[in-house]
Amino acid sequence: MELGIYTFAETTPDPVTGGTISPGERLRNLLEEIELADQVGLDVFGVGEHHRPDFAVSSPVPVLAAAAMRTRRIRLTSAVTVLSSDDPVRVFQDFATLDLLSGGRAEIMVGRGSFIESFPLFGYDLHDYDELFAEKLDLLLKLRESERVTWSGKHRAPIDDLGVYPRPHQTLLPIWVAVGGTANSAARAGALNLPMAIAIIGGMPERFAGLAELHRRAAAKVGHSAPALSINSHGFIADRSQQASDEAWPAFATTMNKIGRERGWPPMTREQFEQSRTLRGANFVGSPGEVTEKILFQHEIFGHQRFLLQFSVGTLPHAQIMRSIELFGTKVAPVIRRETAR
């Protein structure tokens, strides 16, 4: 199993000190985090796209390109690229450039986005939410397949036998589809023979097993073997279980409750947070042993080929994030690889 990290590069106030990190410092810290993840042998690092004041990254590719110059083997991906409000030609060109710079380590993870700020910002109508994604994914796949492209659609000007450059280092630039809980999205990814990432950030993991099965069945129906599957979840690792909980809780609660106020969710209690850390909860917050056990438990459910943890939910001290990455790579990853290889 491939193991990795993704982040949204939060610039929210530290719930303990009240201080707010500057975007520049957060980005410099992020590059150190990616470099460490590479050094401890993790397989993937993903950077999300947001267009809000509480996140430092609106364009993942420049960050990933900087990381490419400081790493040797780790794969570099968006998490996610909000394809519905972007131009597929530019997305392909950006990631092809990243792929060349990194020697073939770039990936694109596309999704419809968990926030909506990018739609009005770039002049798109939210009523076209799913139609935009489907059409732009179709174009992105055609750009990947052929140097010269002829294409037409409803939401973008047509392309008439034009070349798109540069071409990536990899023959086929990997494109993953990230989904929340939507059956149609899982079926579409399978029918297109695309690997899929399921974001599990709440509830029991068994609830999402149907999405993985739907993905596999949709691929089989059109003659493909099962595409790869990733599980993406929130997490934080410390040397001891209670330490992990105590360090993660303030930042986690601050961020999730802020989003909850925007979306009408009730505030999260400490009791609910502790429940989410149990074996059948959604969050991977604990000691290396607890996180290892939980990853293996979910592997029995999904049989997935990749697992990504979001470090962090909310703002935590850089040193704590670096220690979490170190533990993930040196304590958790070797056991997971050994056990899943069996």
C-alpha atoms as a PDB file:
ATOM      1  CA  MET A   1       0.000   0.000   0.000  1.00  0.00           C
ATOM      2  CA  GLU A   2       1.164   3.519  -0.812  1.00  0.00           C
ATOM      3  CA  LEU A   3       1.079   5.899   2.143  1.00  0.00           C
ATOM      4  CA  GLY A   4       1.084   9.655   2.062  1.00  0.00           C
ATOM      5  CA  ILE A   5      -0.013  13.011   3.381  1.00  0.00           C
ATOM      6  CA  TYR A   6      -2.169  15.822   2.087  1.00  0.00           C
ATOM      7  CA  THR A   7      -2.684  19.307   3.426  1.00  0.00           C
ATOM      8  CA  PHE A   8      -4.648  22.484   2.786  1.00  0.00           C
ATOM      9  CA  ALA A   9      -1.889  24.651   4.318  1.00  0.00           C
ATOM     10  CA  GLU A  10      -4.063  26.279   6.978  1.00  0.00           C
ATOM     11  CA  THR A  11      -3.429  29.849   8.063  1.00  0.00           C
ATOM     12  CA  THR A  12      -6.057  29.841  10.797  1.00  0.00           C
ATOM     13  CA  PRO A  13      -5.257  31.273  14.263  1.00  0.00           C
ATOM     14  CA  ASP A  14      -3.441  28.909  16.590  1.00  0.00           C
ATOM     15  CA  PRO A  15      -6.155  28.001  19.139  1.00  0.00           C
ATOM     16  CA  VAL A  16      -3.606  27.825  21.969  1.00  0.00           C
ATOM     17  CA  THR A  17      -1.530  30.976  21.384  1.00  0.00           C
ATOM     18  CA  GLY A  18      -4.023  33.009  19.363  1.00  0.00           C
ATOM     19  CA  GLY A  19      -1.308  33.879  16.852  1.00  0.00           C
ATOM     20  CA  THR A  20      -1.770  33.565  13.093  1.00  0.00           C
ATOM     21  CA  ILE A  21       1.013  32.329  10.869  1.00  0.00           C
ATOM     22  CA  SER A  22       1.735  34.383   7.754  1.00  0.00           C
ATOM     23  CA  PRO A  23       1.073  32.755   4.359  1.00  0.00           C
ATOM     24  CA  GLY A  24       4.760  33.012   3.506  1.00  0.00           C
ATOM     25  CA  GLU A  25       5.873  31.224   6.662  1.00  0.00           C
ATOM     26  CA  ARG A  26       3.199  28.562   6.209  1.00  0.00           C
ATOM     27  CA  LEU A  27       4.414  27.852   2.681  1.00  0.00           C
ATOM     28  CA  ARG A  28       8.031  27.639   3.821  1.00  0.00           C
ATOM     29  CA  ASN A  29       6.983  25.223   6.564  1.00  0.00           C
ATOM     30  CA  LEU A  30       5.034  23.218   4.015  1.00  0.00           C
ATOM     31  CA  LEU A  31       8.122  22.721   1.863  1.00  0.00           C
ATOM     32  CA  GLU A  32       9.982  21.415   4.915  1.00  0.00           C
ATOM     33  CA  GLU A  33       7.102  19.012   5.579  1.00  0.00           C
ATOM     34  CA  ILE A  34       7.183  17.653   2.025  1.00  0.00           C
ATOM     35  CA  GLU A  35      10.961  17.302   2.185  1.00  0.00           C
ATOM     36  CA  LEU A  36      10.721  15.342   5.448  1.00  0.00           C
ATOM     37  CA  ALA A  37       7.968  13.103   4.054  1.00  0.00           C
ATOM     38  CA  ASP A  38      10.317  12.219   1.206  1.00  0.00           C
ATOM     39  CA  GLN A  39      13.215  11.561   3.570  1.00  0.00           C
ATOM     40  CA  VAL A  40      11.227   9.168   5.798  1.00  0.00           C
ATOM     41  CA  GLY A  41      10.047   7.166   2.793  1.00  0.00           C
ATOM     42  CA  LEU A  42       6.416   8.167   2.354  1.00  0.00           C
ATOM     43  CA  ASP A  43       5.044   7.672  -1.149  1.00  0.00           C
ATOM     44  CA  VAL A  44       2.762  10.638  -1.879  1.00  0.00           C
ATOM     45  CA  PHE A  45       2.263  14.253  -0.827  1.00  0.00           C
ATOM     46  CA  GLY A  46      -0.862  16.172  -1.853  1.00  0.00           C
ATOM     47  CA  VAL A  47      -1.603  19.891  -1.663  1.00  0.00           C
ATOM     48  CA  GLY A  48      -5.166  21.199  -1.812  1.00  0.00           C
ATOM     49  CA  GLU A  49      -6.641  24.172  -3.645  1.00  0.00           C
ATOM     50  CA  HIS A  50      -8.736  26.719  -1.775  1.00  0.00           C
ATOM     51  CA  HIS A  51      -9.690  30.331  -2.396  1.00  0.00           C
ATOM     52  CA  ARG A  52     -10.270  31.467   1.189  1.00  0.00           C
ATOM     53  CA  PRO A  53      -8.271  33.563   3.645  1.00  0.00           C
ATOM     54  CA  ASP A  54      -7.772  30.605   6.007  1.00  0.00           C
ATOM     55  CA  PHE A  55      -5.653  28.595   3.542  1.00  0.00           C
ATOM     56  CA  ALA A  56      -2.329  29.551   1.957  1.00  0.00           C
ATOM     57  CA  VAL A  57      -2.599  27.614  -1.321  1.00  0.00           C
ATOM     58  CA  SER A  58      -4.918  28.614  -4.142  1.00  0.00           C
ATOM     59  CA  SER A  59      -2.630  27.127  -6.820  1.00  0.00           C
ATOM     60  CA  PRO A  60      -0.979  23.822  -5.845  1.00  0.00           C
ATOM     61  CA  VAL A  61       1.399  23.509  -8.805  1.00  0.00           C
ATOM     62  CA  PRO A  62       3.908  26.256  -7.837  1.00  0.00           C
ATOM     63  CA  VAL A  63       4.178  24.730  -4.360  1.00  0.00           C
ATOM     64  CA  LEU A  64       4.605  21.227  -5.758  1.00  0.00           C
ATOM     65  CA  ALA A  65       7.169  22.474  -8.281  1.00  0.00           C
ATOM     66  CA  ALA A  66       9.214  24.013  -5.464  1.00  0.00           C
ATOM     67  CA  ALA A  67       8.922  20.719  -3.588  1.00  0.00           C
ATOM     68  CA  ALA A  68      10.086  18.808  -6.676  1.00  0.00           C
ATOM     69  CA  MET A  69      13.422  20.603  -6.446  1.00  0.00           C
ATOM     70  CA  ARG A  70      13.853  19.529  -2.798  1.00  0.00           C
ATOM     71  CA  THR A  71      12.742  15.886  -3.037  1.00  0.00           C
ATOM     72  CA  ARG A  72      13.904  12.748  -4.822  1.00  0.00           C
ATOM     73  CA  ARG A  73      11.202  10.086  -4.965  1.00  0.00           C
ATOM     74  CA  ILE A  74       7.907  11.139  -3.391  1.00  0.00           C
ATOM     75  CA  ARG A  75       4.984  11.551  -5.773  1.00  0.00           C
ATOM     76  CA  LEU A  76       3.466  15.052  -5.893  1.00  0.00           C
ATOM     77  CA  THR A  77      -0.249  15.574  -6.404  1.00  0.00           C
ATOM     78  CA  SER A  78      -3.006  18.108  -6.015  1.00  0.00           C
ATOM     79  CA  ALA A  79      -5.605  17.261  -3.389  1.00  0.00           C
ATOM     80  CA  VAL A  80      -7.686  18.425  -5.126  1.00  0.00           C
ATOM     81  CA  THR A  81      -7.665  20.462  -8.315  1.00  0.00           C
ATOM     82  CA  VAL A  82     -11.142  22.018  -8.539  1.00  0.00           C
ATOM     83  CA  LEU A  83     -11.548  21.125 -12.195  1.00  0.00           C
ATOM     84  CA  SER A  84     -15.084  22.512 -12.504  1.00  0.00           C
ATOM     85  CA  SER A  85     -13.830  26.093 -12.183  1.00  0.00           C
ATOM     86  CA  ASP A  86     -10.506  25.682 -13.966  1.00  0.00           C
ATOM     87  CA  ASP A  87      -9.423  25.336 -17.589  1.00  0.00           C
ATOM     88  CA  PRO A  88      -8.386  21.752 -18.443  1.00  0.00           C
ATOM     89  CA  VAL A  89      -5.789  22.900 -20.973  1.00  0.00           C
ATOM     90  CA  ARG A  90      -3.997  25.001 -18.388  1.00  0.00           C
ATOM     91  CA  VAL A  91      -4.352  22.257 -15.768  1.00  0.00           C
ATOM     92  CA  PHE A  92      -2.743  19.752 -18.117  1.00  0.00           C
ATOM     93  CA  GLN A  93       0.067  22.127 -19.094  1.00  0.00           C
ATOM     94  CA  ASP A  94       0.815  22.996 -15.461  1.00  0.00           C
ATOM     95  CA  PHE A  95       0.995  19.391 -14.331  1.00  0.00           C
ATOM     96  CA  ALA A  96       2.935  18.312 -17.424  1.00  0.00           C
ATOM     97  CA  THR A  97       5.491  20.972 -16.506  1.00  0.00           C
ATOM     98  CA  LEU A  98       5.570  19.700 -12.916  1.00  0.00           C
ATOM     99  CA  ASP A  99       6.024  16.175 -14.243  1.00  0.00           C
ATOM    100  CA  LEU A 100       9.033  17.235 -16.304  1.00  0.00           C
ATOM    101  CA  LEU A 101      10.591  19.107 -13.382  1.00  0.00           C
ATOM    102  CA  SER A 102      10.095  16.162 -11.017  1.00  0.00           C
ATOM    103  CA  GLY A 103      11.243  13.450 -13.418  1.00  0.00           C
ATOM    104  CA  GLY A 104       7.826  11.808 -13.681  1.00  0.00           C
ATOM    105  CA  ARG A 105       6.402  12.191 -10.161  1.00  0.00           C
ATOM    106  CA  ALA A 106       3.358  14.398 -10.843  1.00  0.00           C
ATOM    107  CA  GLU A 107      -0.268  13.395 -10.435  1.00  0.00           C
ATOM    108  CA  ILE A 108      -3.570  15.243 -10.683  1.00  0.00           C
ATOM    109  CA  MET A 109      -6.386  14.588  -8.233  1.00  0.00           C
ATOM    110  CA  VAL A 110      -9.501  16.236  -9.604  1.00  0.00           C
ATOM    111  CA  GLY A 111     -12.701  16.951  -7.723  1.00  0.00           C
ATOM    112  CA  ARG A 112     -15.657  19.280  -7.589  1.00  0.00           C
ATOM    113  CA  GLY A 113     -14.414  20.939  -4.408  1.00  0.00           C
ATOM    114  CA  SER A 114     -15.758  21.114  -0.875  1.00  0.00           C
ATOM    115  CA  PHE A 115     -16.029  24.926  -0.978  1.00  0.00           C
ATOM    116  CA  ILE A 116     -17.676  27.086  -3.630  1.00  0.00           C
ATOM    117  CA  GLU A 117     -15.588  30.288  -3.677  1.00  0.00           C
ATOM    118  CA  SER A 118     -13.845  29.396  -6.945  1.00  0.00           C
ATOM    119  CA  PHE A 119     -17.095  29.359  -8.949  1.00  0.00           C
ATOM    120  CA  PRO A 120     -18.015  33.055  -8.717  1.00  0.00           C
ATOM    121  CA  LEU A 121     -14.321  33.990  -8.660  1.00  0.00           C
ATOM    122  CA  PHE A 122     -13.770  32.500 -12.112  1.00  0.00           C
ATOM    123  CA  GLY A 123     -17.215  33.274 -13.505  1.00  0.00           C
ATOM    124  CA  TYR A 124     -18.992  29.914 -13.300  1.00  0.00           C
ATOM    125  CA  ASP A 125     -22.580  29.168 -12.296  1.00  0.00           C
ATOM    126  CA  LEU A 126     -23.076  26.779  -9.377  1.00  0.00           C
ATOM    127  CA  HIS A 127     -26.161  25.435 -11.105  1.00  0.00           C
ATOM    128  CA  ASP A 128     -23.753  23.837 -13.607  1.00  0.00           C
ATOM    129  CA  TYR A 129     -21.767  22.186 -10.796  1.00  0.00           C
ATOM    130  CA  ASP A 130     -21.792  18.578 -12.045  1.00  0.00           C
ATOM    131  CA  GLU A 131     -22.099  19.343 -15.755  1.00  0.00           C
ATOM    132  CA  LEU A 132     -18.965  21.497 -15.608  1.00  0.00           C
ATOM    133  CA  PHE A 133     -16.985  18.744 -13.937  1.00  0.00           C
ATOM    134  CA  ALA A 134     -18.070  16.013 -16.352  1.00  0.00           C
ATOM    135  CA  GLU A 135     -17.348  18.114 -19.433  1.00  0.00           C
ATOM    136  CA  LYS A 136     -13.970  19.342 -18.240  1.00  0.00           C
ATOM    137  CA  LEU A 137     -12.889  15.878 -17.143  1.00  0.00           C
ATOM    138  CA  ASP A 138     -13.701  14.643 -20.652  1.00  0.00           C
ATOM    139  CA  LEU A 139     -11.424  17.305 -22.133  1.00  0.00           C
ATOM    140  CA  LEU A 140      -8.638  16.660 -19.620  1.00  0.00           C
ATOM    141  CA  LEU A 141      -8.611  12.969 -20.520  1.00  0.00           C
ATOM    142  CA  LYS A 142      -8.421  13.783 -24.234  1.00  0.00           C
ATOM    143  CA  LEU A 143      -5.493  16.119 -23.572  1.00  0.00           C
ATOM    144  CA  ARG A 144      -3.733  13.304 -21.750  1.00  0.00           C
ATOM    145  CA  GLU A 145      -4.299  10.832 -24.565  1.00  0.00           C
ATOM    146  CA  SER A 146      -3.200  12.875 -27.563  1.00  0.00           C
ATOM    147  CA  GLU A 147      -0.777  15.652 -28.432  1.00  0.00           C
ATOM    148  CA  ARG A 148      -3.248  17.166 -30.870  1.00  0.00           C
ATOM    149  CA  VAL A 149      -6.842  17.603 -29.764  1.00  0.00           C
ATOM    150  CA  THR A 150     -10.182  18.253 -31.399  1.00  0.00           C
ATOM    151  CA  TRP A 151     -12.960  18.825 -28.870  1.00  0.00           C
ATOM    152  CA  SER A 152     -16.155  20.792 -28.339  1.00  0.00           C
ATOM    153  CA  GLY A 153     -18.447  21.302 -25.358  1.00  0.00           C
ATOM    154  CA  LYS A 154     -20.975  23.638 -23.800  1.00  0.00           C
ATOM    155  CA  HIS A 155     -18.889  25.538 -21.238  1.00  0.00           C
ATOM    156  CA  ARG A 156     -15.627  26.154 -23.084  1.00  0.00           C
ATOM    157  CA  ALA A 157     -14.564  27.296 -26.540  1.00  0.00           C
ATOM    158  CA  PRO A 158     -13.939  24.376 -28.921  1.00  0.00           C
ATOM    159  CA  ILE A 159     -10.486  23.136 -29.878  1.00  0.00           C
ATOM    160  CA  ASP A 160      -9.888  22.288 -33.535  1.00  0.00           C
ATOM    161  CA  ASP A 161      -6.867  20.044 -34.087  1.00  0.00           C
ATOM    162  CA  LEU A 162      -4.500  22.034 -31.885  1.00  0.00           C
ATOM    163  CA  GLY A 163      -1.359  20.809 -30.154  1.00  0.00           C
ATOM    164  CA  VAL A 164      -1.047  21.127 -26.381  1.00  0.00           C
ATOM    165  CA  TYR A 165       2.431  21.412 -24.887  1.00  0.00           C
ATOM    166  CA  PRO A 166       4.568  20.495 -23.079  1.00  0.00           C
ATOM    167  CA  ARG A 167       3.961  16.762 -22.950  1.00  0.00           C
ATOM    168  CA  PRO A 168       4.682  15.140 -19.576  1.00  0.00           C
ATOM    169  CA  HIS A 169       7.564  12.849 -18.711  1.00  0.00           C
ATOM    170  CA  GLN A 170       5.143  10.002 -17.966  1.00  0.00           C
ATOM    171  CA  THR A 171       3.370   8.414 -20.912  1.00  0.00           C
ATOM    172  CA  LEU A 172       0.041   8.827 -19.145  1.00  0.00           C
ATOM    173  CA  LEU A 173      -0.093  11.502 -16.463  1.00  0.00           C
ATOM    174  CA  PRO A 174      -1.986   9.886 -13.536  1.00  0.00           C
ATOM    175  CA  ILE A 175      -5.428  11.403 -12.953  1.00  0.00           C
ATOM    176  CA  TRP A 176      -7.349  10.464  -9.802  1.00  0.00           C
ATOM    177  CA  VAL A 177     -10.956  11.406  -9.067  1.00  0.00           C
ATOM    178  CA  ALA A 178     -11.758  12.439  -5.495  1.00  0.00           C
ATOM    179  CA  VAL A 179     -15.298  11.797  -4.247  1.00  0.00           C
ATOM    180  CA  GLY A 180     -17.209  12.421  -1.039  1.00  0.00           C
ATOM    181  CA  GLY A 181     -20.294  10.274  -0.734  1.00  0.00           C
ATOM    182  CA  THR A 182     -21.835  10.516  -4.208  1.00  0.00           C
ATOM    183  CA  ALA A 183     -22.649   7.249  -5.955  1.00  0.00           C
ATOM    184  CA  ASN A 184     -22.754   8.855  -9.409  1.00  0.00           C
ATOM    185  CA  SER A 185     -19.218  10.184  -8.950  1.00  0.00           C
ATOM    186  CA  ALA A 186     -17.905   6.745  -7.980  1.00  0.00           C
ATOM    187  CA  ALA A 187     -19.642   5.112 -10.950  1.00  0.00           C
ATOM    188  CA  ARG A 188     -18.281   7.736 -13.342  1.00  0.00           C
ATOM    189  CA  ALA A 189     -14.707   7.220 -12.124  1.00  0.00           C
ATOM    190  CA  GLY A 190     -15.026   3.471 -12.562  1.00  0.00           C
ATOM    191  CA  ALA A 191     -16.564   3.699 -16.015  1.00  0.00           C
ATOM    192  CA  LEU A 192     -13.676   5.949 -17.089  1.00  0.00           C
ATOM    193  CA  ASN A 193     -11.159   3.488 -15.598  1.00  0.00           C
ATOM    194  CA  LEU A 194      -9.792   6.187 -13.312  1.00  0.00           C
ATOM    195  CA  PRO A 195      -8.400   5.602  -9.817  1.00  0.00           C
ATOM    196  CA  MET A 196     -10.613   7.051  -7.102  1.00  0.00           C
ATOM    197  CA  ALA A 197      -9.988   8.644  -3.711  1.00  0.00           C
ATOM    198  CA  ILE A 198     -12.774   8.487  -1.125  1.00  0.00           C
ATOM    199  CA  ALA A 199     -12.685  11.248   1.481  1.00  0.00           C
ATOM    200  CA  ILE A 200     -13.847   9.793   4.794  1.00  0.00           C
ATOM    201  CA  ILE A 201     -13.976  12.609   7.338  1.00  0.00           C
ATOM    202  CA  GLY A 202     -17.013  11.542   9.338  1.00  0.00           C
ATOM    203  CA  GLY A 203     -19.050   8.473  10.200  1.00  0.00           C
ATOM    204  CA  MET A 204     -18.105   4.800  10.229  1.00  0.00           C
ATOM    205  CA  PRO A 205     -15.935   3.601   7.332  1.00  0.00           C
ATOM    206  CA  GLU A 206     -18.293   0.729   6.506  1.00  0.00           C
ATOM    207  CA  ARG A 207     -20.757   3.313   5.175  1.00  0.00           C
ATOM    208  CA  PHE A 208     -18.406   3.966   2.263  1.00  0.00           C
ATOM    209  CA  ALA A 209     -17.774   0.358   1.237  1.00  0.00           C
ATOM    210  CA  GLY A 210     -20.599   0.572  -1.279  1.00  0.00           C
ATOM    211  CA  LEU A 211     -18.837   3.389  -3.120  1.00  0.00           C
ATOM    212  CA  ALA A 212     -15.709   1.282  -3.529  1.00  0.00           C
ATOM    213  CA  GLU A 213     -17.762  -1.645  -4.814  1.00  0.00           C
ATOM    214  CA  LEU A 214     -19.679   0.598  -7.212  1.00  0.00           C
ATOM    215  CA  HIS A 215     -16.367   1.918  -8.537  1.00  0.00           C
ATOM    216  CA  ARG A 216     -15.115  -1.613  -9.184  1.00  0.00           C
ATOM    217  CA  ARG A 217     -18.393  -2.783 -10.773  1.00  0.00           C
ATOM    218  CA  ALA A 218     -18.574   0.219 -13.096  1.00  0.00           C
ATOM    219  CA  ALA A 219     -15.044  -0.487 -14.318  1.00  0.00           C
ATOM    220  CA  ALA A 220     -15.774  -4.186 -14.828  1.00  0.00           C
ATOM    221  CA  LYS A 221     -18.943  -3.390 -16.783  1.00  0.00           C
ATOM    222  CA  VAL A 222     -16.895  -1.663 -19.494  1.00  0.00           C
ATOM    223  CA  GLY A 223     -14.167  -4.308 -19.506  1.00  0.00           C
ATOM    224  CA  HIS A 224     -11.578  -2.839 -17.119  1.00  0.00           C
ATOM    225  CA  SER A 225      -9.917  -4.405 -14.131  1.00  0.00           C
ATOM    226  CA  ALA A 226     -10.501  -2.615 -10.836  1.00  0.00           C
ATOM    227  CA  PRO A 227      -8.771   0.803 -10.823  1.00  0.00           C
ATOM    228  CA  ALA A 228      -6.756   1.803  -7.770  1.00  0.00           C
ATOM    229  CA  LEU A 229      -8.537   3.102  -4.677  1.00  0.00           C
ATOM    230  CA  SER A 230      -7.329   5.579  -2.054  1.00  0.00           C
ATOM    231  CA  ILE A 231      -8.847   6.393   1.323  1.00  0.00           C
ATOM    232  CA  ASN A 232      -8.209   9.994   2.425  1.00  0.00           C
ATOM    233  CA  SER A 233      -8.866  10.938   6.050  1.00  0.00           C
ATOM    234  CA  HIS A 234      -8.018  13.410   8.803  1.00  0.00           C
ATOM    235  CA  GLY A 235      -5.275  12.478  11.213  1.00  0.00           C
ATOM    236  CA  PHE A 236      -2.446  13.326  13.558  1.00  0.00           C
ATOM    237  CA  ILE A 237       0.172  11.083  15.182  1.00  0.00           C
ATOM    238  CA  ALA A 238       2.098  11.629  18.406  1.00  0.00           C
ATOM    239  CA  ASP A 239       4.297   9.357  20.485  1.00  0.00           C
ATOM    240  CA  ARG A 240       1.429   8.617  22.894  1.00  0.00           C
ATOM    241  CA  SER A 241      -2.307   8.337  22.363  1.00  0.00           C
ATOM    242  CA  GLN A 242      -3.438  10.939  24.875  1.00  0.00           C
ATOM    243  CA  GLN A 243      -0.753  13.332  23.697  1.00  0.00           C
ATOM    244  CA  ALA A 244      -2.062  13.045  20.128  1.00  0.00           C
ATOM    245  CA  SER A 245      -5.606  13.736  21.282  1.00  0.00           C
ATOM    246  CA  ASP A 246      -4.665  16.686  23.495  1.00  0.00           C
ATOM    247  CA  GLU A 247      -2.513  18.308  20.806  1.00  0.00           C
ATOM    248  CA  ALA A 248      -4.939  17.781  17.915  1.00  0.00           C
ATOM    249  CA  TRP A 249      -8.246  18.591  19.625  1.00  0.00           C
ATOM    250  CA  PRO A 250      -8.083  22.402  19.965  1.00  0.00           C
ATOM    251  CA  ALA A 251      -7.105  22.967  16.327  1.00  0.00           C
ATOM    252  CA  PHE A 252      -9.481  20.313  15.055  1.00  0.00           C
ATOM    253  CA  ALA A 253     -12.434  21.715  16.979  1.00  0.00           C
ATOM    254  CA  THR A 254     -11.713  25.306  15.972  1.00  0.00           C
ATOM    255  CA  THR A 255     -11.574  24.485  12.261  1.00  0.00           C
ATOM    256  CA  MET A 256     -14.438  22.004  12.078  1.00  0.00           C
ATOM    257  CA  ASN A 257     -16.727  24.222  14.157  1.00  0.00           C
ATOM    258  CA  LYS A 258     -15.975  27.217  11.961  1.00  0.00           C
ATOM    259  CA  ILE A 259     -16.931  25.220   8.869  1.00  0.00           C
ATOM    260  CA  GLY A 260     -19.892  23.828  10.778  1.00  0.00           C
ATOM    261  CA  ARG A 261     -21.231  27.322  11.448  1.00  0.00           C
ATOM    262  CA  GLU A 262     -21.109  28.022   7.712  1.00  0.00           C
ATOM    263  CA  ARG A 263     -22.946  24.796   6.883  1.00  0.00           C
ATOM    264  CA  GLY A 264     -25.361  24.489   9.777  1.00  0.00           C
ATOM    265  CA  TRP A 265     -23.643  21.678  11.666  1.00  0.00           C
ATOM    266  CA  PRO A 266     -23.793  21.578  15.471  1.00  0.00           C
ATOM    267  CA  PRO A 267     -20.521  22.162  17.341  1.00  0.00           C
ATOM    268  CA  MET A 268     -18.302  19.124  17.852  1.00  0.00           C
ATOM    269  CA  THR A 269     -17.843  18.024  21.459  1.00  0.00           C
ATOM    270  CA  ARG A 270     -14.705  16.495  22.942  1.00  0.00           C
ATOM    271  CA  GLU A 271     -16.670  13.299  23.476  1.00  0.00           C
ATOM    272  CA  GLN A 272     -17.498  13.119  19.764  1.00  0.00           C
ATOM    273  CA  PHE A 273     -13.871  13.764  18.901  1.00  0.00           C
ATOM    274  CA  GLU A 274     -12.737  10.938  21.173  1.00  0.00           C
ATOM    275  CA  GLN A 275     -15.304   8.637  19.590  1.00  0.00           C
ATOM    276  CA  SER A 276     -13.939   9.520  16.145  1.00  0.00           C
ATOM    277  CA  ARG A 277     -10.510   8.267  17.289  1.00  0.00           C
ATOM    278  CA  THR A 278     -11.780   4.758  18.008  1.00  0.00           C
ATOM    279  CA  LEU A 279     -11.256   1.874  15.610  1.00  0.00           C
ATOM    280  CA  ARG A 280     -14.492   2.452  13.707  1.00  0.00           C
ATOM    281  CA  GLY A 281     -14.357   6.241  13.814  1.00  0.00           C
ATOM    282  CA  ALA A 282     -13.277   8.454  10.935  1.00  0.00           C
ATOM    283  CA  ASN A 283     -10.210  10.200  12.375  1.00  0.00           C
ATOM    284  CA  PHE A 284      -6.706   8.739  12.598  1.00  0.00           C
ATOM    285  CA  VAL A 285      -5.575  10.603  15.702  1.00  0.00           C
ATOM    286  CA  GLY A 286      -3.436   8.572  18.062  1.00  0.00           C
ATOM    287  CA  SER A 287      -0.183   6.772  18.700  1.00  0.00           C
ATOM    288  CA  PRO A 288       1.681   5.007  15.871  1.00  0.00           C
ATOM    289  CA  GLY A 289       0.267   1.678  17.030  1.00  0.00           C
ATOM    290  CA  GLU A 290      -3.327   2.937  17.054  1.00  0.00           C
ATOM    291  CA  VAL A 291      -3.035   4.509  13.610  1.00  0.00           C
ATOM    292  CA  THR A 292      -1.415   1.346  12.235  1.00  0.00           C
ATOM    293  CA  GLU A 293      -4.208  -0.827  13.603  1.00  0.00           C
ATOM    294  CA  LYS A 294      -6.857   1.455  12.149  1.00  0.00           C
ATOM    295  CA  ILE A 295      -5.310   1.559   8.669  1.00  0.00           C
ATOM    296  CA  LEU A 296      -5.167  -2.235   8.611  1.00  0.00           C
ATOM    297  CA  PHE A 297      -8.763  -2.443   9.857  1.00  0.00           C
ATOM    298  CA  GLN A 298      -9.947  -0.280   6.985  1.00  0.00           C
ATOM    299  CA  HIS A 299      -7.818  -2.232   4.524  1.00  0.00           C
ATOM    300  CA  GLU A 300      -9.907  -5.278   5.403  1.00  0.00           C
ATOM    301  CA  ILE A 301     -12.997  -3.288   4.389  1.00  0.00           C
ATOM    302  CA  PHE A 302     -11.764  -1.599   1.219  1.00  0.00           C
ATOM    303  CA  GLY A 303      -8.698  -3.472  -0.029  1.00  0.00           C
ATOM    304  CA  HIS A 304      -7.366  -0.069  -1.075  1.00  0.00           C
ATOM    305  CA  GLN A 305      -3.961   0.556  -2.632  1.00  0.00           C
ATOM    306  CA  ARG A 306      -3.302   4.008  -1.169  1.00  0.00           C
ATOM    307  CA  PHE A 307      -3.967   5.801   2.108  1.00  0.00           C
ATOM    308  CA  LEU A 308      -3.522   9.544   2.653  1.00  0.00           C
ATOM    309  CA  LEU A 309      -3.759  11.447   5.946  1.00  0.00           C
ATOM    310  CA  GLN A 310      -4.531  15.147   6.192  1.00  0.00           C
ATOM    311  CA  PHE A 311      -1.926  16.828   8.414  1.00  0.00           C
ATOM    312  CA  SER A 312      -3.317  18.952   9.909  1.00  0.00           C
ATOM    313  CA  VAL A 313      -6.905  19.942  10.542  1.00  0.00           C
ATOM    314  CA  GLY A 314      -6.457  23.453  11.843  1.00  0.00           C
ATOM    315  CA  THR A 315      -3.193  25.139  12.772  1.00  0.00           C
ATOM    316  CA  LEU A 316      -0.714  23.147  14.836  1.00  0.00           C
ATOM    317  CA  PRO A 317       2.885  24.046  15.686  1.00  0.00           C
ATOM    318  CA  HIS A 318       5.272  23.167  12.874  1.00  0.00           C
ATOM    319  CA  ALA A 319       7.360  20.980  15.177  1.00  0.00           C
ATOM    320  CA  GLN A 320       4.325  18.835  16.029  1.00  0.00           C
ATOM    321  CA  ILE A 321       3.491  18.347  12.352  1.00  0.00           C
ATOM    322  CA  MET A 322       7.086  17.402  11.584  1.00  0.00           C
ATOM    323  CA  ARG A 323       7.088  14.835  14.415  1.00  0.00           C
ATOM    324  CA  SER A 324       3.797  13.423  13.133  1.00  0.00           C
ATOM    325  CA  ILE A 325       5.262  13.008   9.650  1.00  0.00           C
ATOM    326  CA  GLU A 326       8.360  11.356  11.101  1.00  0.00           C
ATOM    327  CA  LEU A 327       6.275   8.847  13.071  1.00  0.00           C
ATOM    328  CA  PHE A 328       4.086   8.106  10.063  1.00  0.00           C
ATOM    329  CA  GLY A 329       7.096   7.320   7.895  1.00  0.00           C
ATOM    330  CA  THR A 330       9.287   5.486  10.407  1.00  0.00           C
ATOM    331  CA  LYS A 331       6.822   3.724  12.721  1.00  0.00           C
ATOM    332  CA  VAL A 332       3.537   3.275  10.843  1.00  0.00           C
ATOM    333  CA  ALA A 333       4.565   2.819   7.206  1.00  0.00           C
ATOM    334  CA  PRO A 334       6.950  -0.154   7.643  1.00  0.00           C
ATOM    335  CA  VAL A 335       4.303  -2.194   9.472  1.00  0.00           C
ATOM    336  CA  ILE A 336       1.551  -1.333   6.980  1.00  0.00           C
ATOM    337  CA  ARG A 337       3.718  -2.293   4.014  1.00  0.00           C
ATOM    338  CA  ARG A 338       4.763  -5.564   5.612  1.00  0.00           C
ATOM    339  CA  GLU A 339       1.228  -6.570   6.605  1.00  0.00           C
ATOM    340  CA  THR A 340      -0.497  -5.584   3.348  1.00  0.00           C
ATOM    341  CA  ALA A 341       2.223  -7.305   1.291  1.00  0.00           C
ATOM    342  CA  ARG A 342       1.063 -10.592   2.790  1.00  0.00           C
END
